[in-house]
């Protein structure tokens, strides 16, 4: 496509909807009896080769072998115990006690506010993955693979690794876990939401579309 004929308008998000929800309203840790000191990792994505859940699970397996304490929630279409392909990998890697499958979830902001880190381990085919921006808007720093616009969304607020690379994803995840609850982490969480507010809020998106339409008229 000719760049001269294209205008880039990124997605915009309503920050009154995607916002941090206070800990007193959190339910995941209570429901699954996860201690407050245990890092809570999350991925919200449909079950599809593009999302590369296998890479994520292999990464978590590396962390477990290193005796790193963690808990992970997976949510999205077909992310449930009926998915034999998914549950088979989890069982094979010995992660049954570390992972819960939540299937589809309605209140994304609630999920994103409870997790410490959101990981999107996509292998290919991403455009502008909304879940990354949604997590950041809820003050959850993100680890992403360098696919589509993921790195553009994250900027310097999170981490970007090559796709299909277990070693690098594991190293970065370990680095992120060690940073949780430090002053640096609090600043990172604040900057994650601020980046969405400054660059990807819905009002900016609407303003850009109006500007383009007016120029055409």
C-alpha atoms as a PDB file:
ATOM      1  CA  UNK A   1       0.000   0.000   0.000  1.00  0.00           C
ATOM      2  CA  UNK A   2       1.148   3.516  -0.747  1.00  0.00           C
ATOM      3  CA  UNK A   3       1.982   5.396   2.458  1.00  0.00           C
ATOM      4  CA  UNK A   4       1.053   8.634   0.709  1.00  0.00           C
ATOM      5  CA  UNK A   5      -2.551   7.427   0.532  1.00  0.00           C
ATOM      6  CA  UNK A   6      -2.774   6.229   4.110  1.00  0.00           C
ATOM      7  CA  UNK A   7      -3.433   7.967   7.424  1.00  0.00           C
ATOM      8  CA  UNK A   8      -2.775   6.090  10.646  1.00  0.00           C
ATOM      9  CA  UNK A   9      -5.389   6.461  13.388  1.00  0.00           C
ATOM     10  CA  UNK A  10      -4.762   4.076  16.303  1.00  0.00           C
ATOM     11  CA  UNK A  11      -7.537   2.591  18.393  1.00  0.00           C
ATOM     12  CA  UNK A  12      -8.893   4.619  21.283  1.00  0.00           C
ATOM     13  CA  UNK A  13     -10.092   3.476  24.701  1.00  0.00           C
ATOM     14  CA  UNK A  14     -12.632   4.868  27.124  1.00  0.00           C
ATOM     15  CA  UNK A  15     -10.594   5.344  30.292  1.00  0.00           C
ATOM     16  CA  UNK A  16     -13.788   5.619  32.335  1.00  0.00           C
ATOM     17  CA  UNK A  17     -14.394   1.975  31.454  1.00  0.00           C
ATOM     18  CA  UNK A  18     -10.827   0.686  31.409  1.00  0.00           C
ATOM     19  CA  UNK A  19      -9.520   1.804  34.765  1.00  0.00           C
ATOM     20  CA  UNK A  20      -7.835   0.452  37.859  1.00  0.00           C
ATOM     21  CA  UNK A  21     -10.181  -1.165  40.364  1.00  0.00           C
ATOM     22  CA  UNK A  22      -9.140  -1.000  44.012  1.00  0.00           C
ATOM     23  CA  UNK A  23      -7.873  -4.187  45.749  1.00  0.00           C
ATOM     24  CA  UNK A  24     -10.859  -4.348  48.106  1.00  0.00           C
ATOM     25  CA  UNK A  25     -12.984  -5.316  45.099  1.00  0.00           C
ATOM     26  CA  UNK A  26     -10.593  -8.038  43.919  1.00  0.00           C
ATOM     27  CA  UNK A  27     -11.931 -11.599  43.888  1.00  0.00           C
ATOM     28  CA  UNK A  28      -9.453 -13.789  41.991  1.00  0.00           C
ATOM     29  CA  UNK A  29      -6.952 -14.094  44.818  1.00  0.00           C
ATOM     30  CA  UNK A  30      -9.726 -14.826  47.303  1.00  0.00           C
ATOM     31  CA  UNK A  31     -11.470 -17.329  45.037  1.00  0.00           C
ATOM     32  CA  UNK A  32      -8.345 -19.332  44.277  1.00  0.00           C
ATOM     33  CA  UNK A  33      -6.655 -18.668  47.644  1.00  0.00           C
ATOM     34  CA  UNK A  34      -3.624 -16.957  46.124  1.00  0.00           C
ATOM     35  CA  UNK A  35      -1.398 -15.295  48.705  1.00  0.00           C
ATOM     36  CA  UNK A  36      -0.754 -11.575  48.252  1.00  0.00           C
ATOM     37  CA  UNK A  37       3.000 -12.173  47.906  1.00  0.00           C
ATOM     38  CA  UNK A  38       2.550 -14.557  44.962  1.00  0.00           C
ATOM     39  CA  UNK A  39       2.952 -12.798  41.584  1.00  0.00           C
ATOM     40  CA  UNK A  40      -0.237 -13.019  39.519  1.00  0.00           C
ATOM     41  CA  UNK A  41       0.351 -13.332  35.781  1.00  0.00           C
ATOM     42  CA  UNK A  42      -2.475 -13.128  33.267  1.00  0.00           C
ATOM     43  CA  UNK A  43      -3.224 -13.554  29.589  1.00  0.00           C
ATOM     44  CA  UNK A  44      -6.537 -12.612  28.013  1.00  0.00           C
ATOM     45  CA  UNK A  45      -6.692 -14.079  24.516  1.00  0.00           C
ATOM     46  CA  UNK A  46      -8.722 -16.569  22.538  1.00  0.00           C
ATOM     47  CA  UNK A  47      -7.251 -20.016  22.043  1.00  0.00           C
ATOM     48  CA  UNK A  48      -5.612 -19.829  18.631  1.00  0.00           C
ATOM     49  CA  UNK A  49      -2.120 -20.669  17.244  1.00  0.00           C
ATOM     50  CA  UNK A  50      -1.606 -16.942  16.650  1.00  0.00           C
ATOM     51  CA  UNK A  51      -1.750 -16.272  20.408  1.00  0.00           C
ATOM     52  CA  UNK A  52       0.833 -19.014  21.060  1.00  0.00           C
ATOM     53  CA  UNK A  53      -0.360 -20.237  24.449  1.00  0.00           C
ATOM     54  CA  UNK A  54       2.161 -23.055  24.084  1.00  0.00           C
ATOM     55  CA  UNK A  55       5.020 -20.541  24.216  1.00  0.00           C
ATOM     56  CA  UNK A  56       3.514 -18.935  27.311  1.00  0.00           C
ATOM     57  CA  UNK A  57       3.073 -22.289  29.062  1.00  0.00           C
ATOM     58  CA  UNK A  58       6.617 -23.394  28.227  1.00  0.00           C
ATOM     59  CA  UNK A  59       7.826 -20.092  29.659  1.00  0.00           C
ATOM     60  CA  UNK A  60       5.903 -20.686  32.875  1.00  0.00           C
ATOM     61  CA  UNK A  61       7.397 -24.175  33.018  1.00  0.00           C
ATOM     62  CA  UNK A  62      10.878 -22.638  32.956  1.00  0.00           C
ATOM     63  CA  UNK A  63       9.929 -20.386  35.885  1.00  0.00           C
ATOM     64  CA  UNK A  64       8.625 -23.343  37.851  1.00  0.00           C
ATOM     65  CA  UNK A  65      11.842 -25.287  37.260  1.00  0.00           C
ATOM     66  CA  UNK A  66      13.706 -22.284  38.656  1.00  0.00           C
ATOM     67  CA  UNK A  67      11.536 -22.548  41.828  1.00  0.00           C
ATOM     68  CA  UNK A  68       9.818 -19.222  41.120  1.00  0.00           C
ATOM     69  CA  UNK A  69       6.500 -18.906  42.932  1.00  0.00           C
ATOM     70  CA  UNK A  70       3.702 -17.620  40.679  1.00  0.00           C
ATOM     71  CA  UNK A  71       0.077 -18.091  39.669  1.00  0.00           C
ATOM     72  CA  UNK A  72      -1.365 -17.533  36.215  1.00  0.00           C
ATOM     73  CA  UNK A  73      -4.906 -16.963  34.996  1.00  0.00           C
ATOM     74  CA  UNK A  74      -5.853 -17.526  31.379  1.00  0.00           C
ATOM     75  CA  UNK A  75      -9.067 -16.090  29.990  1.00  0.00           C
ATOM     76  CA  UNK A  76     -10.744 -15.875  26.609  1.00  0.00           C
ATOM     77  CA  UNK A  77     -12.866 -17.884  24.164  1.00  0.00           C
ATOM     78  CA  UNK A  78     -12.204 -21.638  24.417  1.00  0.00           C
ATOM     79  CA  UNK A  79      -9.922 -21.194  27.418  1.00  0.00           C
ATOM     80  CA  UNK A  80     -11.547 -23.837  29.595  1.00  0.00           C
ATOM     81  CA  UNK A  81     -11.218 -27.430  30.775  1.00  0.00           C
ATOM     82  CA  UNK A  82     -13.096 -28.674  27.708  1.00  0.00           C
ATOM     83  CA  UNK A  83     -10.118 -27.631  25.589  1.00  0.00           C
ATOM     84  CA  UNK A  84      -8.180 -30.899  25.628  1.00  0.00           C
ATOM     85  CA  UNK A  85      -5.266 -29.540  23.616  1.00  0.00           C
ATOM     86  CA  UNK A  86      -4.709 -26.772  26.171  1.00  0.00           C
ATOM     87  CA  UNK A  87      -5.252 -28.871  29.297  1.00  0.00           C
ATOM     88  CA  UNK A  88      -2.962 -31.559  27.899  1.00  0.00           C
ATOM     89  CA  UNK A  89      -0.044 -29.128  27.639  1.00  0.00           C
ATOM     90  CA  UNK A  90      -0.717 -27.767  31.137  1.00  0.00           C
ATOM     91  CA  UNK A  91      -0.758 -31.284  32.568  1.00  0.00           C
ATOM     92  CA  UNK A  92       2.346 -32.359  30.643  1.00  0.00           C
ATOM     93  CA  UNK A  93       4.320 -29.378  31.943  1.00  0.00           C
ATOM     94  CA  UNK A  94       3.197 -29.942  35.525  1.00  0.00           C
ATOM     95  CA  UNK A  95       1.420 -26.601  35.807  1.00  0.00           C
ATOM     96  CA  UNK A  96      -1.962 -27.763  37.106  1.00  0.00           C
ATOM     97  CA  UNK A  97      -1.459 -26.071  40.486  1.00  0.00           C
ATOM     98  CA  UNK A  98      -0.208 -22.836  38.940  1.00  0.00           C
ATOM     99  CA  UNK A  99      -2.910 -22.087  36.378  1.00  0.00           C
ATOM    100  CA  UNK A 100      -6.645 -21.442  36.287  1.00  0.00           C
ATOM    101  CA  UNK A 101      -8.729 -21.272  33.122  1.00  0.00           C
ATOM    102  CA  UNK A 102     -11.467 -18.635  33.278  1.00  0.00           C
ATOM    103  CA  UNK A 103     -13.009 -18.974  29.800  1.00  0.00           C
ATOM    104  CA  UNK A 104     -14.760 -15.763  28.636  1.00  0.00           C
ATOM    105  CA  UNK A 105     -14.823 -12.935  31.155  1.00  0.00           C
ATOM    106  CA  UNK A 106     -17.203  -9.978  31.121  1.00  0.00           C
ATOM    107  CA  UNK A 107     -15.427  -7.435  33.302  1.00  0.00           C
ATOM    108  CA  UNK A 108     -12.035  -7.030  31.642  1.00  0.00           C
ATOM    109  CA  UNK A 109     -11.087  -4.089  33.856  1.00  0.00           C
ATOM    110  CA  UNK A 110     -11.550  -6.210  36.962  1.00  0.00           C
ATOM    111  CA  UNK A 111      -9.307  -8.973  35.630  1.00  0.00           C
ATOM    112  CA  UNK A 112      -6.665  -6.560  34.368  1.00  0.00           C
ATOM    113  CA  UNK A 113      -6.627  -4.666  37.680  1.00  0.00           C
ATOM    114  CA  UNK A 114      -5.994  -7.822  39.677  1.00  0.00           C
ATOM    115  CA  UNK A 115      -3.092  -9.247  37.691  1.00  0.00           C
ATOM    116  CA  UNK A 116       0.430  -7.976  38.227  1.00  0.00           C
ATOM    117  CA  UNK A 117       1.691  -8.663  34.714  1.00  0.00           C
ATOM    118  CA  UNK A 118      -0.128  -9.248  31.425  1.00  0.00           C
ATOM    119  CA  UNK A 119       1.682 -11.355  28.834  1.00  0.00           C
ATOM    120  CA  UNK A 120       0.753 -11.556  25.151  1.00  0.00           C
ATOM    121  CA  UNK A 121       2.997 -14.176  23.543  1.00  0.00           C
ATOM    122  CA  UNK A 122       1.673 -13.937  19.974  1.00  0.00           C
ATOM    123  CA  UNK A 123       3.637 -15.677  17.250  1.00  0.00           C
ATOM    124  CA  UNK A 124       2.280 -13.798  14.223  1.00  0.00           C
ATOM    125  CA  UNK A 125      -0.659 -12.001  12.682  1.00  0.00           C
ATOM    126  CA  UNK A 126      -1.366  -9.327  15.280  1.00  0.00           C
ATOM    127  CA  UNK A 127      -2.642  -5.934  14.194  1.00  0.00           C
ATOM    128  CA  UNK A 128      -3.310  -3.642  17.121  1.00  0.00           C
ATOM    129  CA  UNK A 129      -3.981  -6.007  20.071  1.00  0.00           C
ATOM    130  CA  UNK A 130      -6.598  -4.360  22.272  1.00  0.00           C
ATOM    131  CA  UNK A 131      -5.849  -6.480  25.340  1.00  0.00           C
ATOM    132  CA  UNK A 132      -2.425  -4.868  25.701  1.00  0.00           C
ATOM    133  CA  UNK A 133      -3.869  -1.363  25.810  1.00  0.00           C
ATOM    134  CA  UNK A 134      -6.702  -2.511  28.084  1.00  0.00           C
ATOM    135  CA  UNK A 135      -4.264  -4.041  30.554  1.00  0.00           C
ATOM    136  CA  UNK A 136      -2.097  -0.922  30.569  1.00  0.00           C
ATOM    137  CA  UNK A 137      -5.150   1.302  31.072  1.00  0.00           C
ATOM    138  CA  UNK A 138      -5.815  -0.719  34.226  1.00  0.00           C
ATOM    139  CA  UNK A 139      -2.211  -0.158  35.378  1.00  0.00           C
ATOM    140  CA  UNK A 140      -0.960  -3.654  34.554  1.00  0.00           C
ATOM    141  CA  UNK A 141       2.466  -3.540  32.871  1.00  0.00           C
ATOM    142  CA  UNK A 142       2.777  -5.773  29.805  1.00  0.00           C
ATOM    143  CA  UNK A 143       5.233  -8.202  28.304  1.00  0.00           C
ATOM    144  CA  UNK A 144       4.648  -8.661  24.584  1.00  0.00           C
ATOM    145  CA  UNK A 145       6.266 -10.329  21.611  1.00  0.00           C
ATOM    146  CA  UNK A 146       7.366  -8.047  18.805  1.00  0.00           C
ATOM    147  CA  UNK A 147       4.376  -8.774  16.564  1.00  0.00           C
ATOM    148  CA  UNK A 148       2.067  -6.210  14.982  1.00  0.00           C
ATOM    149  CA  UNK A 149       1.744  -2.958  16.931  1.00  0.00           C
ATOM    150  CA  UNK A 150       2.363  -4.512  20.353  1.00  0.00           C
ATOM    151  CA  UNK A 151       5.700  -2.767  20.813  1.00  0.00           C
ATOM    152  CA  UNK A 152       4.188   0.585  19.772  1.00  0.00           C
ATOM    153  CA  UNK A 153       1.479   0.262  22.414  1.00  0.00           C
ATOM    154  CA  UNK A 154       3.862  -0.745  25.200  1.00  0.00           C
ATOM    155  CA  UNK A 155       6.607   1.770  24.441  1.00  0.00           C
ATOM    156  CA  UNK A 156       9.022   1.938  27.354  1.00  0.00           C
ATOM    157  CA  UNK A 157       6.433   1.008  29.983  1.00  0.00           C
ATOM    158  CA  UNK A 158       6.875  -2.757  29.586  1.00  0.00           C
ATOM    159  CA  UNK A 159       8.973  -5.331  27.775  1.00  0.00           C
ATOM    160  CA  UNK A 160       9.197  -6.514  24.170  1.00  0.00           C
ATOM    161  CA  UNK A 161      10.751  -9.854  23.186  1.00  0.00           C
ATOM    162  CA  UNK A 162      11.072 -11.751  19.899  1.00  0.00           C
ATOM    163  CA  UNK A 163       8.248 -14.196  19.113  1.00  0.00           C
ATOM    164  CA  UNK A 164       8.709 -17.950  19.598  1.00  0.00           C
ATOM    165  CA  UNK A 165      11.619 -17.501  22.007  1.00  0.00           C
ATOM    166  CA  UNK A 166      11.056 -19.274  25.329  1.00  0.00           C
ATOM    167  CA  UNK A 167      14.409 -18.325  26.818  1.00  0.00           C
ATOM    168  CA  UNK A 168      14.035 -14.579  26.276  1.00  0.00           C
ATOM    169  CA  UNK A 169      10.396 -14.520  27.362  1.00  0.00           C
ATOM    170  CA  UNK A 170      11.288 -16.450  30.518  1.00  0.00           C
ATOM    171  CA  UNK A 171      14.190 -14.127  31.346  1.00  0.00           C
ATOM    172  CA  UNK A 172      12.061 -11.006  30.905  1.00  0.00           C
ATOM    173  CA  UNK A 173       9.185 -12.486  32.908  1.00  0.00           C
ATOM    174  CA  UNK A 174      11.578 -13.319  35.732  1.00  0.00           C
ATOM    175  CA  UNK A 175      12.947  -9.776  35.592  1.00  0.00           C
ATOM    176  CA  UNK A 176       9.420  -8.343  35.772  1.00  0.00           C
ATOM    177  CA  UNK A 177       8.452 -10.570  38.706  1.00  0.00           C
ATOM    178  CA  UNK A 178      11.461  -9.388  40.704  1.00  0.00           C
ATOM    179  CA  UNK A 179      10.384  -5.784  40.163  1.00  0.00           C
ATOM    180  CA  UNK A 180       6.799  -6.212  41.443  1.00  0.00           C
ATOM    181  CA  UNK A 181       5.869  -4.084  44.490  1.00  0.00           C
ATOM    182  CA  UNK A 182       8.994  -1.948  44.256  1.00  0.00           C
ATOM    183  CA  UNK A 183       8.954   1.820  43.725  1.00  0.00           C
ATOM    184  CA  UNK A 184      10.061   1.197  40.156  1.00  0.00           C
ATOM    185  CA  UNK A 185       7.037  -1.047  39.625  1.00  0.00           C
ATOM    186  CA  UNK A 186       4.612   1.550  40.952  1.00  0.00           C
ATOM    187  CA  UNK A 187       6.060   4.090  38.550  1.00  0.00           C
ATOM    188  CA  UNK A 188       5.897   1.586  35.690  1.00  0.00           C
ATOM    189  CA  UNK A 189       2.238   0.861  36.440  1.00  0.00           C
ATOM    190  CA  UNK A 190       1.431   4.577  36.541  1.00  0.00           C
ATOM    191  CA  UNK A 191       3.268   5.197  33.269  1.00  0.00           C
ATOM    192  CA  UNK A 192       1.458   2.308  31.581  1.00  0.00           C
ATOM    193  CA  UNK A 193      -1.918   3.967  32.091  1.00  0.00           C
ATOM    194  CA  UNK A 194      -0.484   7.395  31.322  1.00  0.00           C
ATOM    195  CA  UNK A 195       0.780   6.151  27.951  1.00  0.00           C
ATOM    196  CA  UNK A 196      -2.701   4.963  27.005  1.00  0.00           C
ATOM    197  CA  UNK A 197      -4.213   8.220  28.241  1.00  0.00           C
ATOM    198  CA  UNK A 198      -1.779  10.351  26.224  1.00  0.00           C
ATOM    199  CA  UNK A 199      -1.682   8.299  23.031  1.00  0.00           C
ATOM    200  CA  UNK A 200      -4.638   5.953  22.774  1.00  0.00           C
ATOM    201  CA  UNK A 201      -7.640   7.509  24.492  1.00  0.00           C
ATOM    202  CA  UNK A 202     -10.984   7.442  22.709  1.00  0.00           C
ATOM    203  CA  UNK A 203     -11.290  11.238  22.530  1.00  0.00           C
ATOM    204  CA  UNK A 204      -8.031  11.506  20.628  1.00  0.00           C
ATOM    205  CA  UNK A 205      -9.193   8.804  18.210  1.00  0.00           C
ATOM    206  CA  UNK A 206     -12.505  10.604  17.565  1.00  0.00           C
ATOM    207  CA  UNK A 207     -10.708  13.932  17.123  1.00  0.00           C
ATOM    208  CA  UNK A 208      -8.375  12.395  14.531  1.00  0.00           C
ATOM    209  CA  UNK A 209     -11.268  10.868  12.577  1.00  0.00           C
ATOM    210  CA  UNK A 210     -13.146  14.166  12.594  1.00  0.00           C
ATOM    211  CA  UNK A 211     -10.061  15.973  11.353  1.00  0.00           C
ATOM    212  CA  UNK A 212      -9.700  13.520   8.461  1.00  0.00           C
ATOM    213  CA  UNK A 213     -13.360  13.673   7.503  1.00  0.00           C
ATOM    214  CA  UNK A 214     -13.312  17.484   7.557  1.00  0.00           C
ATOM    215  CA  UNK A 215     -10.240  17.564   5.324  1.00  0.00           C
ATOM    216  CA  UNK A 216     -12.000  15.314   2.792  1.00  0.00           C
ATOM    217  CA  UNK A 217     -15.131  17.472   2.821  1.00  0.00           C
END
